[in-house]
Amino acid sequence: MKINVIDISSKASGTTNLSDAIFGLEPRKDILHRTVVYQLAKKRAGTHKVKNRAEITATTKKMYKQKGTGSARHGSKKVPQFRGGGRAFGPHPRDHSIKLTKKFRKLALRHALSSKLKDGNIVILSEAKLSKPKTSLLVKNLQKLAVDSALFIDAKEFDKNFELATMNIPNIDILPVQGINVYDMLKRDKLFITKAALKEIEGRLNE
């Protein structure tokens, strides 16, 4: 399918073809959901930790005699029912990640790109470059497109001026094509892809 190409100042810069195998699928929410869950689970640190009674330092002397006190029988101060004792069944370090096959993750990327295109939220840029590292210059260009939430994808490294200009704008992210993922694409409203990045995406997802 054909799509218009613009430059960063919103001027027409020709057209390009998009692969139907990547951008023409009927988006499936279940595939996108599973992939987002996979990504968020993988990001979790899993370092939450408490001490159980075996890890508490306290005297091992019996607290008071077994009989005749009128109180319940106790031996150790490390047990959970006492202040300063160990926690019963508390959390311990663990890996929260789940597994998804590489083939499934590639399929999810195709569905995410198809979803963005179906909603009219993909913009193809001739290149992501600015003459000066000015945030105001980029903001002005984004206002022309009525964009306040976007992800820019470029091949390899971004133009330094463009990268610096995006740093102070909320809800504007940049990502090299090697790092494209479903979560970041769905998190922002608009998806800007440069022609160079588009070529790499199609080469990667057509394999």
N, C-alpha and C. Protein backbone atom coordinates (compact mmCIF):
# COMPACT_ATOMS: atom_id res chain seq x y z
N MET A 1 0.84 -1.19 0.00
CA MET A 1 0.00 0.00 0.00
C MET A 1 0.88 1.25 0.00
N LYS A 2 0.39 2.32 -0.61
CA LYS A 2 1.15 3.56 -0.69
C LYS A 2 0.80 4.47 0.47
N ILE A 3 1.82 5.21 0.93
CA ILE A 3 1.61 6.19 2.00
C ILE A 3 2.47 7.41 1.71
N ASN A 4 1.97 8.58 2.06
CA ASN A 4 2.71 9.81 1.83
C ASN A 4 3.89 9.93 2.79
N VAL A 5 4.94 10.56 2.30
CA VAL A 5 6.13 10.83 3.11
C VAL A 5 6.23 12.34 3.30
N ILE A 6 6.54 12.77 4.55
CA ILE A 6 6.72 14.20 4.82
C ILE A 6 8.07 14.42 5.47
N ASP A 7 8.51 15.69 5.49
CA ASP A 7 9.71 16.01 6.25
C ASP A 7 9.29 16.52 7.63
N ILE A 8 10.24 16.88 8.46
CA ILE A 8 9.93 17.25 9.84
C ILE A 8 9.13 18.54 9.93
N SER A 9 9.14 19.35 8.86
CA SER A 9 8.35 20.59 8.86
C SER A 9 6.98 20.40 8.19
N SER A 10 6.58 19.14 8.01
CA SER A 10 5.25 18.76 7.48
C SER A 10 5.10 18.96 5.98
N LYS A 11 6.18 19.21 5.26
CA LYS A 11 6.09 19.38 3.81
C LYS A 11 6.13 18.01 3.12
N ALA A 12 5.35 17.87 2.05
CA ALA A 12 5.31 16.61 1.31
C ALA A 12 6.68 16.27 0.74
N SER A 13 7.04 14.99 0.84
CA SER A 13 8.35 14.56 0.36
C SER A 13 8.25 13.25 -0.42
N GLY A 14 7.15 13.10 -1.17
CA GLY A 14 6.97 11.91 -2.01
C GLY A 14 6.09 10.87 -1.34
N THR A 15 6.19 9.65 -1.85
CA THR A 15 5.42 8.52 -1.31
C THR A 15 6.32 7.31 -1.17
N THR A 16 5.84 6.32 -0.43
CA THR A 16 6.57 5.07 -0.29
C THR A 16 5.56 3.93 -0.13
N ASN A 17 6.01 2.72 -0.38
CA ASN A 17 5.14 1.55 -0.26
C ASN A 17 5.35 0.85 1.07
N LEU A 18 4.25 0.43 1.69
CA LEU A 18 4.31 -0.33 2.93
C LEU A 18 3.92 -1.78 2.64
N SER A 19 4.63 -2.69 3.27
CA SER A 19 4.37 -4.12 3.07
C SER A 19 3.05 -4.52 3.73
N ASP A 20 2.18 -5.17 2.95
CA ASP A 20 0.90 -5.64 3.50
C ASP A 20 1.10 -6.73 4.55
N ALA A 21 2.19 -7.47 4.45
CA ALA A 21 2.46 -8.55 5.40
C ALA A 21 2.83 -8.01 6.78
N ILE A 22 3.22 -6.73 6.84
CA ILE A 22 3.62 -6.12 8.11
C ILE A 22 2.60 -5.08 8.58
N PHE A 23 2.11 -4.27 7.66
CA PHE A 23 1.23 -3.16 8.02
C PHE A 23 -0.24 -3.41 7.67
N GLY A 24 -0.54 -4.54 7.02
CA GLY A 24 -1.90 -4.77 6.55
C GLY A 24 -2.66 -5.86 7.28
N LEU A 25 -2.18 -6.26 8.46
CA LEU A 25 -2.88 -7.32 9.21
C LEU A 25 -4.08 -6.75 9.96
N GLU A 26 -5.02 -7.62 10.28
CA GLU A 26 -6.13 -7.23 11.16
C GLU A 26 -5.65 -7.38 12.60
N PRO A 27 -5.46 -6.25 13.32
CA PRO A 27 -4.83 -6.30 14.65
C PRO A 27 -5.57 -7.22 15.63
N ARG A 28 -4.81 -8.02 16.35
CA ARG A 28 -5.38 -8.91 17.36
C ARG A 28 -4.95 -8.44 18.75
N LYS A 29 -5.95 -8.06 19.55
CA LYS A 29 -5.67 -7.52 20.89
C LYS A 29 -5.03 -8.56 21.81
N ASP A 30 -5.38 -9.85 21.62
CA ASP A 30 -4.83 -10.87 22.50
C ASP A 30 -3.32 -11.00 22.32
N ILE A 31 -2.86 -10.89 21.09
CA ILE A 31 -1.42 -10.98 20.81
C ILE A 31 -0.70 -9.77 21.40
N LEU A 32 -1.28 -8.59 21.22
CA LEU A 32 -0.68 -7.36 21.76
C LEU A 32 -0.66 -7.40 23.28
N HIS A 33 -1.74 -7.89 23.87
CA HIS A 33 -1.83 -7.95 25.34
C HIS A 33 -0.78 -8.89 25.92
N ARG A 34 -0.65 -10.06 25.33
CA ARG A 34 0.34 -11.03 25.83
C ARG A 34 1.75 -10.48 25.75
N THR A 35 2.03 -9.72 24.70
CA THR A 35 3.38 -9.18 24.52
C THR A 35 3.66 -8.04 25.50
N VAL A 36 2.66 -7.21 25.76
CA VAL A 36 2.84 -6.13 26.74
C VAL A 36 3.05 -6.72 28.14
N VAL A 37 2.28 -7.74 28.48
CA VAL A 37 2.46 -8.42 29.77
C VAL A 37 3.86 -9.00 29.87
N TYR A 38 4.32 -9.62 28.78
CA TYR A 38 5.68 -10.20 28.72
C TYR A 38 6.74 -9.12 28.97
N GLN A 39 6.58 -7.95 28.31
CA GLN A 39 7.58 -6.89 28.46
C GLN A 39 7.58 -6.30 29.86
N LEU A 40 6.40 -6.05 30.41
CA LEU A 40 6.32 -5.44 31.74
C LEU A 40 6.81 -6.42 32.82
N ALA A 41 6.53 -7.70 32.64
CA ALA A 41 7.00 -8.70 33.61
C ALA A 41 8.52 -8.79 33.58
N LYS A 42 9.09 -8.67 32.37
CA LYS A 42 10.54 -8.75 32.22
C LYS A 42 11.24 -7.55 32.86
N LYS A 43 10.54 -6.40 32.92
CA LYS A 43 11.12 -5.19 33.50
C LYS A 43 11.14 -5.21 35.02
N ARG A 44 10.34 -6.07 35.64
CA ARG A 44 10.26 -6.09 37.10
C ARG A 44 11.57 -6.56 37.71
N ALA A 45 12.02 -5.86 38.74
CA ALA A 45 13.31 -6.17 39.36
C ALA A 45 13.24 -7.49 40.14
N GLY A 46 12.14 -7.71 40.85
CA GLY A 46 12.01 -8.94 41.63
C GLY A 46 12.97 -9.01 42.80
N THR A 47 13.35 -7.85 43.35
CA THR A 47 14.34 -7.81 44.44
C THR A 47 13.70 -7.61 45.80
N HIS A 48 12.36 -7.65 45.89
CA HIS A 48 11.70 -7.48 47.18
C HIS A 48 12.06 -8.64 48.10
N LYS A 49 12.33 -8.31 49.36
CA LYS A 49 12.89 -9.32 50.27
C LYS A 49 12.53 -8.98 51.71
N VAL A 50 12.17 -10.00 52.49
CA VAL A 50 12.00 -9.85 53.95
C VAL A 50 12.81 -10.95 54.63
N LYS A 51 13.00 -10.80 55.93
CA LYS A 51 13.73 -11.82 56.69
C LYS A 51 12.75 -12.78 57.35
N ASN A 52 13.01 -14.06 57.20
CA ASN A 52 12.21 -15.05 57.92
C ASN A 52 12.88 -15.34 59.26
N ARG A 53 12.30 -16.19 60.06
CA ARG A 53 12.81 -16.39 61.43
C ARG A 53 14.22 -16.96 61.45
N ALA A 54 14.61 -17.65 60.38
CA ALA A 54 15.95 -18.22 60.34
C ALA A 54 17.02 -17.15 60.12
N GLU A 55 16.60 -15.98 59.62
CA GLU A 55 17.57 -14.93 59.31
C GLU A 55 17.61 -13.83 60.36
N ILE A 56 16.79 -13.93 61.40
CA ILE A 56 16.75 -12.94 62.47
C ILE A 56 17.82 -13.25 63.51
N THR A 57 18.50 -12.21 63.96
CA THR A 57 19.49 -12.37 65.03
C THR A 57 18.83 -12.05 66.37
N ALA A 58 18.74 -13.03 67.23
CA ALA A 58 18.15 -12.85 68.56
C ALA A 58 18.64 -13.97 69.46
N THR A 59 18.44 -13.78 70.75
CA THR A 59 18.87 -14.81 71.69
C THR A 59 18.06 -16.08 71.49
N THR A 60 18.67 -17.19 71.79
CA THR A 60 17.97 -18.48 71.68
C THR A 60 17.50 -18.95 73.06
N LYS A 61 17.70 -18.12 74.05
CA LYS A 61 17.27 -18.49 75.40
C LYS A 61 15.75 -18.50 75.48
N LYS A 62 15.20 -19.44 76.22
CA LYS A 62 13.75 -19.51 76.39
C LYS A 62 13.28 -18.25 77.10
N MET A 63 12.18 -17.67 76.60
CA MET A 63 11.73 -16.37 77.08
C MET A 63 11.32 -16.39 78.55
N TYR A 64 10.59 -17.39 78.94
CA TYR A 64 10.19 -17.58 80.35
C TYR A 64 9.87 -19.07 80.52
N LYS A 65 9.66 -19.46 81.80
CA LYS A 65 9.48 -20.89 82.05
C LYS A 65 8.23 -21.43 81.36
N GLN A 66 8.27 -22.73 81.14
CA GLN A 66 7.22 -23.38 80.36
C GLN A 66 5.86 -23.31 81.05
N LYS A 67 5.84 -23.52 82.33
CA LYS A 67 4.56 -23.63 83.04
C LYS A 67 4.48 -22.61 84.18
N GLY A 68 3.26 -22.34 84.59
CA GLY A 68 3.03 -21.53 85.78
C GLY A 68 2.93 -20.03 85.57
N THR A 69 3.09 -19.56 84.34
CA THR A 69 3.04 -18.10 84.13
C THR A 69 1.63 -17.62 83.76
N GLY A 70 0.78 -18.53 83.34
CA GLY A 70 -0.56 -18.14 82.88
C GLY A 70 -0.56 -17.65 81.45
N SER A 71 0.59 -17.61 80.81
CA SER A 71 0.70 -17.17 79.41
C SER A 71 0.96 -18.36 78.49
N ALA A 72 0.81 -18.12 77.23
CA ALA A 72 1.07 -19.18 76.25
C ALA A 72 2.54 -19.59 76.30
N ARG A 73 2.79 -20.81 75.87
CA ARG A 73 4.17 -21.33 75.90
C ARG A 73 4.97 -20.78 74.72
N HIS A 74 6.12 -20.17 75.01
CA HIS A 74 6.99 -19.64 73.96
C HIS A 74 8.43 -19.99 74.26
N GLY A 75 9.19 -20.16 73.18
CA GLY A 75 10.61 -20.43 73.34
C GLY A 75 11.48 -19.39 72.67
N SER A 76 11.20 -19.09 71.40
CA SER A 76 12.07 -18.21 70.63
C SER A 76 11.45 -16.83 70.43
N LYS A 77 12.30 -15.80 70.44
CA LYS A 77 11.85 -14.44 70.16
C LYS A 77 11.82 -14.16 68.65
N LYS A 78 12.28 -15.11 67.85
CA LYS A 78 12.38 -14.90 66.40
C LYS A 78 11.06 -15.17 65.66
N VAL A 79 10.08 -15.70 66.37
CA VAL A 79 8.85 -16.11 65.69
C VAL A 79 8.06 -14.90 65.20
N PRO A 80 7.23 -15.06 64.17
CA PRO A 80 6.54 -13.91 63.54
C PRO A 80 5.60 -13.13 64.45
N GLN A 81 5.02 -13.78 65.49
CA GLN A 81 4.04 -13.06 66.30
C GLN A 81 4.63 -12.01 67.24
N PHE A 82 5.96 -11.96 67.35
CA PHE A 82 6.58 -10.95 68.20
C PHE A 82 7.20 -9.83 67.38
N ARG A 83 7.16 -8.63 67.94
CA ARG A 83 7.79 -7.48 67.32
C ARG A 83 9.28 -7.77 67.14
N GLY A 84 9.79 -7.53 65.91
CA GLY A 84 11.20 -7.82 65.63
C GLY A 84 11.44 -9.24 65.17
N GLY A 85 10.40 -10.06 65.18
CA GLY A 85 10.55 -11.45 64.73
C GLY A 85 10.56 -11.54 63.21
N GLY A 86 10.79 -12.73 62.70
CA GLY A 86 10.82 -12.95 61.25
C GLY A 86 9.43 -12.88 60.63
N ARG A 87 9.39 -12.59 59.35
CA ARG A 87 8.11 -12.51 58.63
C ARG A 87 7.74 -13.90 58.11
N ALA A 88 6.48 -14.27 58.29
CA ALA A 88 6.01 -15.56 57.79
C ALA A 88 5.54 -15.42 56.35
N PHE A 89 6.02 -16.28 55.49
CA PHE A 89 5.60 -16.34 54.08
C PHE A 89 5.78 -15.00 53.34
N GLY A 90 6.84 -14.29 53.66
CA GLY A 90 7.11 -13.01 53.00
C GLY A 90 7.74 -13.19 51.63
N PRO A 91 7.83 -12.10 50.86
CA PRO A 91 8.41 -12.19 49.51
C PRO A 91 9.92 -12.41 49.53
N HIS A 92 10.40 -13.08 48.51
CA HIS A 92 11.83 -13.33 48.34
C HIS A 92 12.21 -13.04 46.89
N PRO A 93 13.48 -12.74 46.62
CA PRO A 93 13.89 -12.44 45.24
C PRO A 93 13.46 -13.52 44.27
N ARG A 94 12.89 -13.09 43.13
CA ARG A 94 12.44 -14.05 42.14
C ARG A 94 12.44 -13.40 40.77
N ASP A 95 12.43 -14.22 39.77
CA ASP A 95 12.38 -13.76 38.38
C ASP A 95 10.92 -13.76 37.92
N HIS A 96 10.39 -12.59 37.58
CA HIS A 96 8.99 -12.48 37.19
C HIS A 96 8.77 -12.72 35.70
N SER A 97 9.85 -12.83 34.94
CA SER A 97 9.71 -12.90 33.48
C SER A 97 8.99 -14.17 33.03
N ILE A 98 8.29 -14.04 31.91
CA ILE A 98 7.65 -15.19 31.28
C ILE A 98 8.28 -15.38 29.90
N LYS A 99 7.96 -16.46 29.24
CA LYS A 99 8.60 -16.75 27.96
C LYS A 99 7.63 -16.54 26.79
N LEU A 100 8.16 -15.93 25.74
CA LEU A 100 7.46 -15.84 24.47
C LEU A 100 8.47 -16.17 23.38
N THR A 101 8.06 -16.92 22.39
CA THR A 101 9.00 -17.28 21.32
C THR A 101 9.35 -16.07 20.47
N LYS A 102 10.49 -16.14 19.84
CA LYS A 102 10.93 -15.06 18.94
C LYS A 102 9.92 -14.86 17.81
N LYS A 103 9.38 -15.96 17.31
CA LYS A 103 8.40 -15.90 16.23
C LYS A 103 7.14 -15.14 16.67
N PHE A 104 6.71 -15.39 17.90
CA PHE A 104 5.52 -14.71 18.44
C PHE A 104 5.79 -13.22 18.62
N ARG A 105 6.99 -12.87 19.11
CA ARG A 105 7.32 -11.46 19.33
C ARG A 105 7.37 -10.69 18.01
N LYS A 106 7.86 -11.35 16.96
CA LYS A 106 7.86 -10.72 15.63
C LYS A 106 6.43 -10.51 15.13
N LEU A 107 5.59 -11.50 15.36
CA LEU A 107 4.19 -11.39 14.97
C LEU A 107 3.52 -10.22 15.70
N ALA A 108 3.84 -10.07 16.98
CA ALA A 108 3.27 -8.98 17.78
C ALA A 108 3.70 -7.61 17.24
N LEU A 109 4.94 -7.50 16.78
CA LEU A 109 5.41 -6.24 16.18
C LEU A 109 4.61 -5.92 14.93
N ARG A 110 4.34 -6.93 14.12
CA ARG A 110 3.53 -6.72 12.90
C ARG A 110 2.12 -6.24 13.26
N HIS A 111 1.55 -6.85 14.29
CA HIS A 111 0.19 -6.46 14.69
C HIS A 111 0.17 -5.06 15.31
N ALA A 112 1.22 -4.70 16.03
CA ALA A 112 1.29 -3.35 16.60
C ALA A 112 1.40 -2.30 15.50
N LEU A 113 2.23 -2.58 14.49
CA LEU A 113 2.37 -1.64 13.37
C LEU A 113 1.08 -1.56 12.55
N SER A 114 0.43 -2.69 12.36
CA SER A 114 -0.85 -2.71 11.63
C SER A 114 -1.92 -1.94 12.39
N SER A 115 -1.92 -2.08 13.73
CA SER A 115 -2.89 -1.37 14.57
C SER A 115 -2.70 0.14 14.45
N LYS A 116 -1.44 0.58 14.48
CA LYS A 116 -1.15 2.01 14.36
C LYS A 116 -1.58 2.55 13.00
N LEU A 117 -1.31 1.79 11.95
CA LEU A 117 -1.69 2.25 10.61
C LEU A 117 -3.20 2.27 10.44
N LYS A 118 -3.86 1.26 10.98
CA LYS A 118 -5.33 1.20 10.87
C LYS A 118 -5.99 2.40 11.53
N ASP A 119 -5.40 2.87 12.64
CA ASP A 119 -5.93 4.03 13.36
C ASP A 119 -5.46 5.36 12.77
N GLY A 120 -4.65 5.28 11.71
CA GLY A 120 -4.14 6.50 11.08
C GLY A 120 -3.07 7.20 11.89
N ASN A 121 -2.33 6.43 12.68
CA ASN A 121 -1.34 7.04 13.59
C ASN A 121 0.11 6.75 13.21
N ILE A 122 0.35 6.40 11.95
CA ILE A 122 1.72 6.23 11.48
C ILE A 122 2.05 7.36 10.51
N VAL A 123 3.20 7.99 10.73
CA VAL A 123 3.71 9.05 9.85
C VAL A 123 5.10 8.63 9.37
N ILE A 124 5.30 8.65 8.06
CA ILE A 124 6.61 8.31 7.50
C ILE A 124 7.36 9.61 7.24
N LEU A 125 8.55 9.72 7.84
CA LEU A 125 9.40 10.91 7.68
C LEU A 125 10.51 10.63 6.68
N SER A 126 10.86 11.64 5.91
CA SER A 126 12.01 11.49 5.01
C SER A 126 13.28 11.31 5.85
N GLU A 127 13.41 12.09 6.93
CA GLU A 127 14.51 11.94 7.89
C GLU A 127 14.18 12.72 9.15
N ALA A 128 14.74 12.31 10.27
CA ALA A 128 14.51 12.99 11.55
C ALA A 128 15.75 13.84 11.87
N LYS A 129 15.78 15.04 11.30
CA LYS A 129 16.93 15.92 11.49
C LYS A 129 16.46 17.35 11.72
N LEU A 130 17.25 18.09 12.51
CA LEU A 130 17.01 19.52 12.76
C LEU A 130 18.29 20.29 12.49
N SER A 131 18.12 21.53 12.05
CA SER A 131 19.29 22.36 11.78
C SER A 131 19.95 22.84 13.07
N LYS A 132 19.15 22.96 14.15
CA LYS A 132 19.67 23.41 15.44
C LYS A 132 19.09 22.53 16.55
N PRO A 133 19.83 22.38 17.65
CA PRO A 133 19.31 21.58 18.78
C PRO A 133 18.33 22.38 19.62
N LYS A 134 17.25 22.85 19.01
CA LYS A 134 16.29 23.73 19.68
C LYS A 134 14.98 22.98 19.95
N THR A 135 14.61 22.89 21.21
CA THR A 135 13.34 22.26 21.57
C THR A 135 12.17 23.01 20.97
N SER A 136 12.24 24.33 21.00
CA SER A 136 11.14 25.16 20.49
C SER A 136 10.90 24.92 19.00
N LEU A 137 11.96 24.64 18.26
CA LEU A 137 11.85 24.38 16.83
C LEU A 137 11.07 23.08 16.58
N LEU A 138 11.38 22.05 17.36
CA LEU A 138 10.67 20.77 17.21
C LEU A 138 9.22 20.90 17.68
N VAL A 139 9.00 21.61 18.78
CA VAL A 139 7.64 21.82 19.29
C VAL A 139 6.77 22.50 18.24
N LYS A 140 7.35 23.50 17.57
CA LYS A 140 6.62 24.23 16.53
C LYS A 140 6.20 23.28 15.39
N ASN A 141 7.12 22.40 15.00
CA ASN A 141 6.82 21.45 13.93
C ASN A 141 5.77 20.43 14.36
N LEU A 142 5.82 20.00 15.63
CA LEU A 142 4.84 19.04 16.14
C LEU A 142 3.46 19.67 16.26
N GLN A 143 3.43 20.95 16.58
CA GLN A 143 2.14 21.66 16.67
C GLN A 143 1.44 21.74 15.32
N LYS A 144 2.23 21.84 14.25
CA LYS A 144 1.65 21.84 12.90
C LYS A 144 0.91 20.53 12.62
N LEU A 145 1.44 19.44 13.20
CA LEU A 145 0.83 18.12 12.99
C LEU A 145 -0.18 17.77 14.08
N ALA A 146 -0.39 18.71 15.03
CA ALA A 146 -1.31 18.49 16.16
C ALA A 146 -0.92 17.24 16.95
N VAL A 147 0.39 17.12 17.23
CA VAL A 147 0.92 15.94 17.93
C VAL A 147 1.42 16.35 19.31
N ASP A 148 0.95 15.66 20.36
CA ASP A 148 1.47 15.91 21.71
C ASP A 148 1.96 14.63 22.39
N SER A 149 1.87 13.50 21.67
CA SER A 149 2.37 12.23 22.20
C SER A 149 2.85 11.39 21.02
N ALA A 150 4.15 11.12 20.98
CA ALA A 150 4.69 10.43 19.79
C ALA A 150 5.96 9.66 20.11
N LEU A 151 6.19 8.63 19.29
CA LEU A 151 7.44 7.87 19.32
C LEU A 151 8.09 8.00 17.96
N PHE A 152 9.36 8.41 17.95
CA PHE A 152 10.13 8.54 16.70
C PHE A 152 11.09 7.36 16.60
N ILE A 153 11.06 6.70 15.46
CA ILE A 153 11.96 5.57 15.21
C ILE A 153 12.87 5.91 14.03
N ASP A 154 14.17 5.77 14.25
CA ASP A 154 15.13 6.03 13.19
C ASP A 154 16.13 4.88 13.14
N ALA A 155 16.84 4.80 12.04
CA ALA A 155 17.83 3.73 11.88
C ALA A 155 19.09 4.06 12.67
N LYS A 156 19.59 3.09 13.40
CA LYS A 156 20.84 3.21 14.15
C LYS A 156 20.82 4.40 15.10
N GLU A 157 21.59 5.47 14.79
CA GLU A 157 21.68 6.60 15.71
C GLU A 157 20.90 7.80 15.20
N PHE A 158 20.31 8.54 16.16
CA PHE A 158 19.56 9.74 15.81
C PHE A 158 20.51 10.91 15.56
N ASP A 159 20.03 11.84 14.73
CA ASP A 159 20.72 13.12 14.57
C ASP A 159 20.85 13.78 15.94
N LYS A 160 22.05 14.26 16.28
CA LYS A 160 22.31 14.81 17.62
C LYS A 160 21.41 16.00 17.93
N ASN A 161 21.21 16.89 16.96
CA ASN A 161 20.34 18.04 17.18
C ASN A 161 18.91 17.60 17.50
N PHE A 162 18.43 16.60 16.77
CA PHE A 162 17.07 16.10 16.98
C PHE A 162 16.95 15.43 18.35
N GLU A 163 17.95 14.65 18.71
CA GLU A 163 17.94 13.96 19.99
C GLU A 163 17.90 14.94 21.16
N LEU A 164 18.72 15.99 21.08
CA LEU A 164 18.75 17.00 22.14
C LEU A 164 17.44 17.77 22.21
N ALA A 165 16.84 18.03 21.07
CA ALA A 165 15.58 18.79 21.03
C ALA A 165 14.43 18.03 21.68
N THR A 166 14.47 16.70 21.63
CA THR A 166 13.35 15.91 22.19
C THR A 166 13.45 15.72 23.70
N MET A 167 14.60 16.01 24.29
CA MET A 167 14.83 15.64 25.68
C MET A 167 13.92 16.36 26.67
N ASN A 168 13.51 17.58 26.36
CA ASN A 168 12.69 18.36 27.30
C ASN A 168 11.21 18.38 26.94
N ILE A 169 10.79 17.54 25.99
CA ILE A 169 9.38 17.54 25.60
C ILE A 169 8.70 16.32 26.22
N PRO A 170 7.69 16.54 27.07
CA PRO A 170 7.00 15.38 27.67
C PRO A 170 6.24 14.58 26.62
N ASN A 171 6.16 13.29 26.84
CA ASN A 171 5.40 12.36 25.99
C ASN A 171 5.97 12.23 24.57
N ILE A 172 7.21 12.63 24.38
CA ILE A 172 7.89 12.43 23.10
C ILE A 172 9.10 11.53 23.35
N ASP A 173 9.12 10.37 22.70
CA ASP A 173 10.22 9.41 22.87
C ASP A 173 10.92 9.17 21.54
N ILE A 174 12.18 8.78 21.62
CA ILE A 174 12.92 8.37 20.43
C ILE A 174 13.49 6.97 20.66
N LEU A 175 13.61 6.21 19.58
CA LEU A 175 14.06 4.83 19.71
C LEU A 175 14.76 4.41 18.42
N PRO A 176 15.97 3.87 18.52
CA PRO A 176 16.60 3.32 17.31
C PRO A 176 15.85 2.07 16.87
N VAL A 177 15.95 1.76 15.60
CA VAL A 177 15.15 0.67 15.04
C VAL A 177 15.46 -0.67 15.71
N GLN A 178 16.69 -0.82 16.24
CA GLN A 178 17.04 -2.09 16.91
C GLN A 178 16.21 -2.31 18.17
N GLY A 179 15.69 -1.22 18.76
CA GLY A 179 14.97 -1.35 20.02
C GLY A 179 13.46 -1.31 19.91
N ILE A 180 12.92 -1.41 18.70
CA ILE A 180 11.46 -1.30 18.56
C ILE A 180 10.76 -2.40 19.34
N ASN A 181 9.68 -2.04 20.00
CA ASN A 181 8.93 -3.00 20.79
C ASN A 181 7.48 -2.59 20.88
N VAL A 182 6.63 -3.53 21.19
CA VAL A 182 5.18 -3.33 21.19
C VAL A 182 4.76 -2.30 22.25
N TYR A 183 5.30 -2.42 23.45
CA TYR A 183 4.88 -1.55 24.55
C TYR A 183 5.12 -0.08 24.24
N ASP A 184 6.33 0.25 23.78
CA ASP A 184 6.65 1.65 23.49
C ASP A 184 5.82 2.20 22.33
N MET A 185 5.51 1.35 21.36
CA MET A 185 4.70 1.81 20.23
C MET A 185 3.26 2.11 20.65
N LEU A 186 2.71 1.25 21.52
CA LEU A 186 1.33 1.45 21.94
C LEU A 186 1.19 2.55 22.99
N LYS A 187 2.28 2.85 23.68
CA LYS A 187 2.23 3.85 24.77
C LYS A 187 1.99 5.26 24.24
N ARG A 188 2.49 5.55 23.04
CA ARG A 188 2.35 6.90 22.46
C ARG A 188 1.31 6.88 21.35
N ASP A 189 0.68 8.05 21.13
CA ASP A 189 -0.42 8.15 20.15
C ASP A 189 0.08 7.99 18.71
N LYS A 190 1.10 8.77 18.36
CA LYS A 190 1.61 8.78 16.98
C LYS A 190 2.93 8.02 16.89
N LEU A 191 3.12 7.40 15.74
CA LEU A 191 4.37 6.68 15.49
C LEU A 191 5.02 7.27 14.24
N PHE A 192 6.19 7.91 14.42
CA PHE A 192 6.94 8.49 13.31
C PHE A 192 8.08 7.54 12.95
N ILE A 193 8.12 7.12 11.69
CA ILE A 193 9.17 6.21 11.23
C ILE A 193 9.89 6.86 10.05
N THR A 194 11.21 6.93 10.13
CA THR A 194 11.96 7.47 9.00
C THR A 194 12.04 6.44 7.89
N LYS A 195 12.32 6.90 6.67
CA LYS A 195 12.42 5.98 5.52
C LYS A 195 13.53 4.95 5.74
N ALA A 196 14.63 5.40 6.35
CA ALA A 196 15.74 4.49 6.62
C ALA A 196 15.33 3.41 7.61
N ALA A 197 14.58 3.81 8.65
CA ALA A 197 14.12 2.85 9.66
C ALA A 197 13.09 1.90 9.06
N LEU A 198 12.22 2.42 8.19
CA LEU A 198 11.20 1.60 7.55
C LEU A 198 11.83 0.46 6.75
N LYS A 199 12.91 0.78 6.05
CA LYS A 199 13.61 -0.24 5.26
C LYS A 199 14.15 -1.35 6.16
N GLU A 200 14.70 -0.96 7.32
CA GLU A 200 15.24 -1.96 8.25
C GLU A 200 14.14 -2.78 8.91
N ILE A 201 13.03 -2.11 9.25
CA ILE A 201 11.90 -2.82 9.87
C ILE A 201 11.36 -3.88 8.93
N GLU A 202 11.17 -3.51 7.67
CA GLU A 202 10.62 -4.46 6.70
C GLU A 202 11.60 -5.60 6.43
N GLY A 203 12.89 -5.28 6.43
CA GLY A 203 13.90 -6.33 6.25
C GLY A 203 13.91 -7.31 7.40
N ARG A 204 13.71 -6.79 8.62
CA ARG A 204 13.75 -7.62 9.83
C ARG A 204 12.48 -8.47 9.97
N LEU A 205 11.33 -7.89 9.68
CA LEU A 205 10.06 -8.59 9.91
C LEU A 205 9.61 -9.43 8.73
N ASN A 206 10.29 -9.30 7.60
CA ASN A 206 9.96 -10.12 6.44
C ASN A 206 10.77 -11.40 6.40
N GLU A 207 11.69 -11.56 7.36
CA GLU A 207 12.56 -12.74 7.38
C GLU A 207 11.77 -14.01 7.64
